[in-house]
Amino acid sequence: MKRRQLLQYLKKNGCEFLREGSRHTVYVNRAAGKSSTVPRHGEIPDNLARKICRDLGVPRP
């Protein structure tokens, strides 16, 4: 999955940008009280995308 697609999906499901790390971007789902990091790679493996969504309490893409 492309990074841009994943970020759009997260935003559509109520997640928002929190801060930039050195190699990751941190997103938070304030409604669920959860956060997760998204690596800055052009392509994110599907297993990792599912884990990020699970960490944020968002349905799988």
PDB file of N, CA and C in Angstrom:
ATOM      1  N   MET A   1       0.850  -1.169   0.000  1.00  0.00           N
ATOM      2  CA  MET A   1       0.000   0.000   0.000  1.00  0.00           C
ATOM      3  C   MET A   1       0.896   1.232   0.000  1.00  0.00           C
ATOM      4  N   LYS A   2       0.539   2.210  -0.783  1.00  0.00           N
ATOM      5  CA  LYS A   2       1.295   3.454  -0.822  1.00  0.00           C
ATOM      6  C   LYS A   2       1.083   4.227   0.475  1.00  0.00           C
ATOM      7  N   ARG A   3       2.127   4.901   0.932  1.00  0.00           N
ATOM      8  CA  ARG A   3       2.063   5.666   2.182  1.00  0.00           C
ATOM      9  C   ARG A   3       0.963   6.722   2.116  1.00  0.00           C
ATOM     10  N   ARG A   4       0.879   7.393   1.008  1.00  0.00           N
ATOM     11  CA  ARG A   4      -0.122   8.458   0.845  1.00  0.00           C
ATOM     12  C   ARG A   4      -1.542   7.908   0.982  1.00  0.00           C
ATOM     13  N   GLN A   5      -1.798   6.719   0.407  1.00  0.00           N
ATOM     14  CA  GLN A   5      -3.113   6.091   0.518  1.00  0.00           C
ATOM     15  C   GLN A   5      -3.439   5.758   1.971  1.00  0.00           C
ATOM     16  N   LEU A   6      -2.445   5.228   2.698  1.00  0.00           N
ATOM     17  CA  LEU A   6      -2.662   4.879   4.097  1.00  0.00           C
ATOM     18  C   LEU A   6      -2.973   6.118   4.925  1.00  0.00           C
ATOM     19  N   LEU A   7      -2.238   7.200   4.711  1.00  0.00           N
ATOM     20  CA  LEU A   7      -2.480   8.421   5.482  1.00  0.00           C
ATOM     21  C   LEU A   7      -3.865   8.996   5.192  1.00  0.00           C
ATOM     22  N   GLN A   8      -4.298   8.947   3.943  1.00  0.00           N
ATOM     23  CA  GLN A   8      -5.644   9.421   3.602  1.00  0.00           C
ATOM     24  C   GLN A   8      -6.696   8.560   4.289  1.00  0.00           C
ATOM     25  N   TYR A   9      -6.469   7.247   4.317  1.00  0.00           N
ATOM     26  CA  TYR A   9      -7.404   6.331   4.959  1.00  0.00           C
ATOM     27  C   TYR A   9      -7.489   6.612   6.458  1.00  0.00           C
ATOM     28  N   LEU A  10      -6.338   6.846   7.092  1.00  0.00           N
ATOM     29  CA  LEU A  10      -6.325   7.127   8.531  1.00  0.00           C
ATOM     30  C   LEU A  10      -7.072   8.423   8.833  1.00  0.00           C
ATOM     31  N   LYS A  11      -6.823   9.461   8.048  1.00  0.00           N
ATOM     32  CA  LYS A  11      -7.502  10.742   8.267  1.00  0.00           C
ATOM     33  C   LYS A  11      -9.002  10.607   8.080  1.00  0.00           C
ATOM     34  N   LYS A  12      -9.421   9.821   7.090  1.00  0.00           N
ATOM     35  CA  LYS A  12     -10.842   9.611   6.826  1.00  0.00           C
ATOM     36  C   LYS A  12     -11.519   8.903   7.995  1.00  0.00           C
ATOM     37  N   ASN A  13     -10.758   8.109   8.747  1.00  0.00           N
ATOM     38  CA  ASN A  13     -11.305   7.358   9.865  1.00  0.00           C
ATOM     39  C   ASN A  13     -11.035   8.016  11.214  1.00  0.00           C
ATOM     40  N   GLY A  14     -10.767   9.310  11.234  1.00  0.00           N
ATOM     41  CA  GLY A  14     -10.695  10.057  12.480  1.00  0.00           C
ATOM     42  C   GLY A  14      -9.323  10.187  13.115  1.00  0.00           C
ATOM     43  N   CYS A  15      -8.279   9.736  12.443  1.00  0.00           N
ATOM     44  CA  CYS A  15      -6.925   9.879  12.994  1.00  0.00           C
ATOM     45  C   CYS A  15      -6.341  11.212  12.536  1.00  0.00           C
ATOM     46  N   GLU A  16      -5.419  11.740  13.324  1.00  0.00           N
ATOM     47  CA  GLU A  16      -4.804  13.000  12.958  1.00  0.00           C
ATOM     48  C   GLU A  16      -3.311  12.977  13.251  1.00  0.00           C
ATOM     49  N   PHE A  17      -2.604  13.824  12.522  1.00  0.00           N
ATOM     50  CA  PHE A  17      -1.170  13.967  12.664  1.00  0.00           C
ATOM     51  C   PHE A  17      -0.848  14.512  14.049  1.00  0.00           C
ATOM     52  N   LEU A  18       0.145  13.912  14.713  1.00  0.00           N
ATOM     53  CA  LEU A  18       0.563  14.398  16.021  1.00  0.00           C
ATOM     54  C   LEU A  18       1.918  15.083  15.934  1.00  0.00           C
ATOM     55  N   ARG A  19       2.931  14.373  15.384  1.00  0.00           N
ATOM     56  CA  ARG A  19       4.266  14.970  15.275  1.00  0.00           C
ATOM     57  C   ARG A  19       5.119  14.157  14.320  1.00  0.00           C
ATOM     58  N   GLU A  20       6.239  14.747  13.934  1.00  0.00           N
ATOM     59  CA  GLU A  20       7.229  14.065  13.103  1.00  0.00           C
ATOM     60  C   GLU A  20       8.339  13.548  13.997  1.00  0.00           C
ATOM     61  N   GLY A  21       8.716  12.309  13.801  1.00  0.00           N
ATOM     62  CA  GLY A  21       9.882  11.750  14.463  1.00  0.00           C
ATOM     63  C   GLY A  21      11.053  11.841  13.501  1.00  0.00           C
ATOM     64  N   SER A  22      12.156  11.204  13.846  1.00  0.00           N
ATOM     65  CA  SER A  22      13.312  11.276  12.960  1.00  0.00           C
ATOM     66  C   SER A  22      13.100  10.455  11.697  1.00  0.00           C
ATOM     67  N   ARG A  23      12.439   9.291  11.820  1.00  0.00           N
ATOM     68  CA  ARG A  23      12.208   8.434  10.660  1.00  0.00           C
ATOM     69  C   ARG A  23      10.757   7.998  10.513  1.00  0.00           C
ATOM     70  N   HIS A  24       9.893   8.466  11.398  1.00  0.00           N
ATOM     71  CA  HIS A  24       8.488   8.080  11.384  1.00  0.00           C
ATOM     72  C   HIS A  24       7.602   9.298  11.593  1.00  0.00           C
ATOM     73  N   THR A  25       6.351   9.164  11.224  1.00  0.00           N
ATOM     74  CA  THR A  25       5.333  10.163  11.505  1.00  0.00           C
ATOM     75  C   THR A  25       4.381   9.542  12.516  1.00  0.00           C
ATOM     76  N   VAL A  26       4.023  10.302  13.534  1.00  0.00           N
ATOM     77  CA  VAL A  26       3.155   9.774  14.584  1.00  0.00           C
ATOM     78  C   VAL A  26       1.737  10.275  14.356  1.00  0.00           C
ATOM     79  N   TYR A  27       0.797   9.324  14.321  1.00  0.00           N
ATOM     80  CA  TYR A  27      -0.623   9.637  14.188  1.00  0.00           C
ATOM     81  C   TYR A  27      -1.341   9.188  15.440  1.00  0.00           C
ATOM     82  N   VAL A  28      -2.435   9.888  15.765  1.00  0.00           N
ATOM     83  CA  VAL A  28      -3.184   9.594  16.975  1.00  0.00           C
ATOM     84  C   VAL A  28      -4.671   9.531  16.646  1.00  0.00           C
ATOM     85  N   ASN A  29      -5.361   8.617  17.316  1.00  0.00           N
ATOM     86  CA  ASN A  29      -6.818   8.532  17.245  1.00  0.00           C
ATOM     87  C   ASN A  29      -7.312   8.962  18.622  1.00  0.00           C
ATOM     88  N   ARG A  30      -7.687  10.213  18.739  1.00  0.00           N
ATOM     89  CA  ARG A  30      -8.062  10.758  20.047  1.00  0.00           C
ATOM     90  C   ARG A  30      -9.335  10.119  20.589  1.00  0.00           C
ATOM     91  N   ALA A  31     -10.263   9.717  19.721  1.00  0.00           N
ATOM     92  CA  ALA A  31     -11.506   9.090  20.170  1.00  0.00           C
ATOM     93  C   ALA A  31     -11.215   7.759  20.863  1.00  0.00           C
ATOM     94  N   ALA A  32     -10.252   7.005  20.338  1.00  0.00           N
ATOM     95  CA  ALA A  32      -9.911   5.708  20.920  1.00  0.00           C
ATOM     96  C   ALA A  32      -8.772   5.831  21.933  1.00  0.00           C
ATOM     97  N   GLY A  33      -8.111   6.978  21.972  1.00  0.00           N
ATOM     98  CA  GLY A  33      -6.994   7.171  22.900  1.00  0.00           C
ATOM     99  C   GLY A  33      -5.779   6.350  22.527  1.00  0.00           C
ATOM    100  N   LYS A  34      -5.541   6.169  21.211  1.00  0.00           N
ATOM    101  CA  LYS A  34      -4.428   5.338  20.752  1.00  0.00           C
ATOM    102  C   LYS A  34      -3.560   6.102  19.778  1.00  0.00           C
ATOM    103  N   SER A  35      -2.290   5.683  19.673  1.00  0.00           N
ATOM    104  CA  SER A  35      -1.378   6.300  18.720  1.00  0.00           C
ATOM    105  C   SER A  35      -0.515   5.224  18.075  1.00  0.00           C
ATOM    106  N   SER A  36       0.072   5.576  16.923  1.00  0.00           N
ATOM    107  CA  SER A  36       0.938   4.652  16.209  1.00  0.00           C
ATOM    108  C   SER A  36       1.866   5.456  15.309  1.00  0.00           C
ATOM    109  N   THR A  37       2.968   4.831  14.924  1.00  0.00           N
ATOM    110  CA  THR A  37       3.915   5.484  14.034  1.00  0.00           C
ATOM    111  C   THR A  37       3.773   4.925  12.629  1.00  0.00           C
ATOM    112  N   VAL A  38       3.971   5.791  11.638  1.00  0.00           N
ATOM    113  CA  VAL A  38       3.927   5.405  10.236  1.00  0.00           C
ATOM    114  C   VAL A  38       5.295   5.710   9.649  1.00  0.00           C
ATOM    115  N   PRO A  39       6.003   4.699   9.133  1.00  0.00           N
ATOM    116  CA  PRO A  39       7.330   4.951   8.571  1.00  0.00           C
ATOM    117  C   PRO A  39       7.256   5.807   7.321  1.00  0.00           C
ATOM    118  N   ARG A  40       8.341   6.491   7.027  1.00  0.00           N
ATOM    119  CA  ARG A  40       8.386   7.350   5.843  1.00  0.00           C
ATOM    120  C   ARG A  40       8.984   6.601   4.656  1.00  0.00           C
ATOM    121  N   HIS A  41       8.324   5.525   4.244  1.00  0.00           N
ATOM    122  CA  HIS A  41       8.708   4.775   3.061  1.00  0.00           C
ATOM    123  C   HIS A  41       7.629   5.014   2.014  1.00  0.00           C
ATOM    124  N   GLY A  42       7.987   4.962   0.756  1.00  0.00           N
ATOM    125  CA  GLY A  42       6.998   5.151  -0.297  1.00  0.00           C
ATOM    126  C   GLY A  42       5.964   4.049  -0.315  1.00  0.00           C
ATOM    127  N   GLU A  43       6.410   2.832  -0.060  1.00  0.00           N
ATOM    128  CA  GLU A  43       5.528   1.664  -0.069  1.00  0.00           C
ATOM    129  C   GLU A  43       5.543   1.031   1.316  1.00  0.00           C
ATOM    130  N   ILE A  44       4.368   0.793   1.878  1.00  0.00           N
ATOM    131  CA  ILE A  44       4.250   0.183   3.207  1.00  0.00           C
ATOM    132  C   ILE A  44       3.635  -1.201   3.017  1.00  0.00           C
ATOM    133  N   PRO A  45       4.297  -2.247   3.512  1.00  0.00           N
ATOM    134  CA  PRO A  45       3.748  -3.602   3.358  1.00  0.00           C
ATOM    135  C   PRO A  45       2.346  -3.708   3.968  1.00  0.00           C
ATOM    136  N   ASP A  46       1.519  -4.563   3.366  1.00  0.00           N
ATOM    137  CA  ASP A  46       0.130  -4.710   3.812  1.00  0.00           C
ATOM    138  C   ASP A  46       0.030  -5.149   5.265  1.00  0.00           C
ATOM    139  N   ASN A  47       0.924  -6.051   5.700  1.00  0.00           N
ATOM    140  CA  ASN A  47       0.894  -6.499   7.097  1.00  0.00           C
ATOM    141  C   ASN A  47       1.142  -5.335   8.051  1.00  0.00           C
ATOM    142  N   LEU A  48       2.068  -4.457   7.702  1.00  0.00           N
ATOM    143  CA  LEU A  48       2.367  -3.301   8.539  1.00  0.00           C
ATOM    144  C   LEU A  48       1.199  -2.316   8.535  1.00  0.00           C
ATOM    145  N   ALA A  49       0.559  -2.129   7.388  1.00  0.00           N
ATOM    146  CA  ALA A  49      -0.599  -1.229   7.314  1.00  0.00           C
ATOM    147  C   ALA A  49      -1.722  -1.745   8.207  1.00  0.00           C
ATOM    148  N   ARG A  50      -1.948  -3.062   8.206  1.00  0.00           N
ATOM    149  CA  ARG A  50      -2.974  -3.644   9.076  1.00  0.00           C
ATOM    150  C   ARG A  50      -2.626  -3.450  10.547  1.00  0.00           C
ATOM    151  N   LYS A  51      -1.342  -3.591  10.898  1.00  0.00           N
ATOM    152  CA  LYS A  51      -0.908  -3.412  12.281  1.00  0.00           C
ATOM    153  C   LYS A  51      -1.114  -1.967  12.721  1.00  0.00           C
ATOM    154  N   ILE A  52      -0.790  -1.016  11.861  1.00  0.00           N
ATOM    155  CA  ILE A  52      -0.965   0.397  12.180  1.00  0.00           C
ATOM    156  C   ILE A  52      -2.444   0.689  12.424  1.00  0.00           C
ATOM    157  N   CYS A  53      -3.319   0.158  11.571  1.00  0.00           N
ATOM    158  CA  CYS A  53      -4.762   0.366  11.743  1.00  0.00           C
ATOM    159  C   CYS A  53      -5.239  -0.277  13.031  1.00  0.00           C
ATOM    160  N   ARG A  54      -4.748  -1.471  13.351  1.00  0.00           N
ATOM    161  CA  ARG A  54      -5.134  -2.146  14.596  1.00  0.00           C
ATOM    162  C   ARG A  54      -4.667  -1.328  15.801  1.00  0.00           C
ATOM    163  N   ASP A  55      -3.446  -0.787  15.736  1.00  0.00           N
ATOM    164  CA  ASP A  55      -2.924   0.028  16.839  1.00  0.00           C
ATOM    165  C   ASP A  55      -3.769   1.273  17.071  1.00  0.00           C
ATOM    166  N   LEU A  56      -4.318   1.820  15.990  1.00  0.00           N
ATOM    167  CA  LEU A  56      -5.112   3.051  16.091  1.00  0.00           C
ATOM    168  C   LEU A  56      -6.592   2.782  16.316  1.00  0.00           C
ATOM    169  N   GLY A  57      -7.007   1.534  16.311  1.00  0.00           N
ATOM    170  CA  GLY A  57      -8.408   1.206  16.515  1.00  0.00           C
ATOM    171  C   GLY A  57      -9.268   1.529  15.307  1.00  0.00           C
ATOM    172  N   VAL A  58      -8.695   1.387  14.124  1.00  0.00           N
ATOM    173  CA  VAL A  58      -9.380   1.698  12.851  1.00  0.00           C
ATOM    174  C   VAL A  58      -9.624   0.378  12.134  1.00  0.00           C
ATOM    175  N   PRO A  59     -10.753   0.218  11.424  1.00  0.00           N
ATOM    176  CA  PRO A  59     -10.963  -1.013  10.641  1.00  0.00           C
ATOM    177  C   PRO A  59      -9.877  -1.196   9.580  1.00  0.00           C
ATOM    178  N   ARG A  60      -9.631  -2.449   9.228  1.00  0.00           N
ATOM    179  CA  ARG A  60      -8.590  -2.723   8.220  1.00  0.00           C
ATOM    180  C   ARG A  60      -8.979  -2.142   6.872  1.00  0.00           C
ATOM    181  N   PRO A  61      -7.976  -1.654   6.123  1.00  0.00           N
ATOM    182  CA  PRO A  61      -8.265  -1.110   4.776  1.00  0.00           C
ATOM    183  C   PRO A  61      -8.589  -2.206   3.790  1.00  0.00           C
TER     184      PRO A  61
END
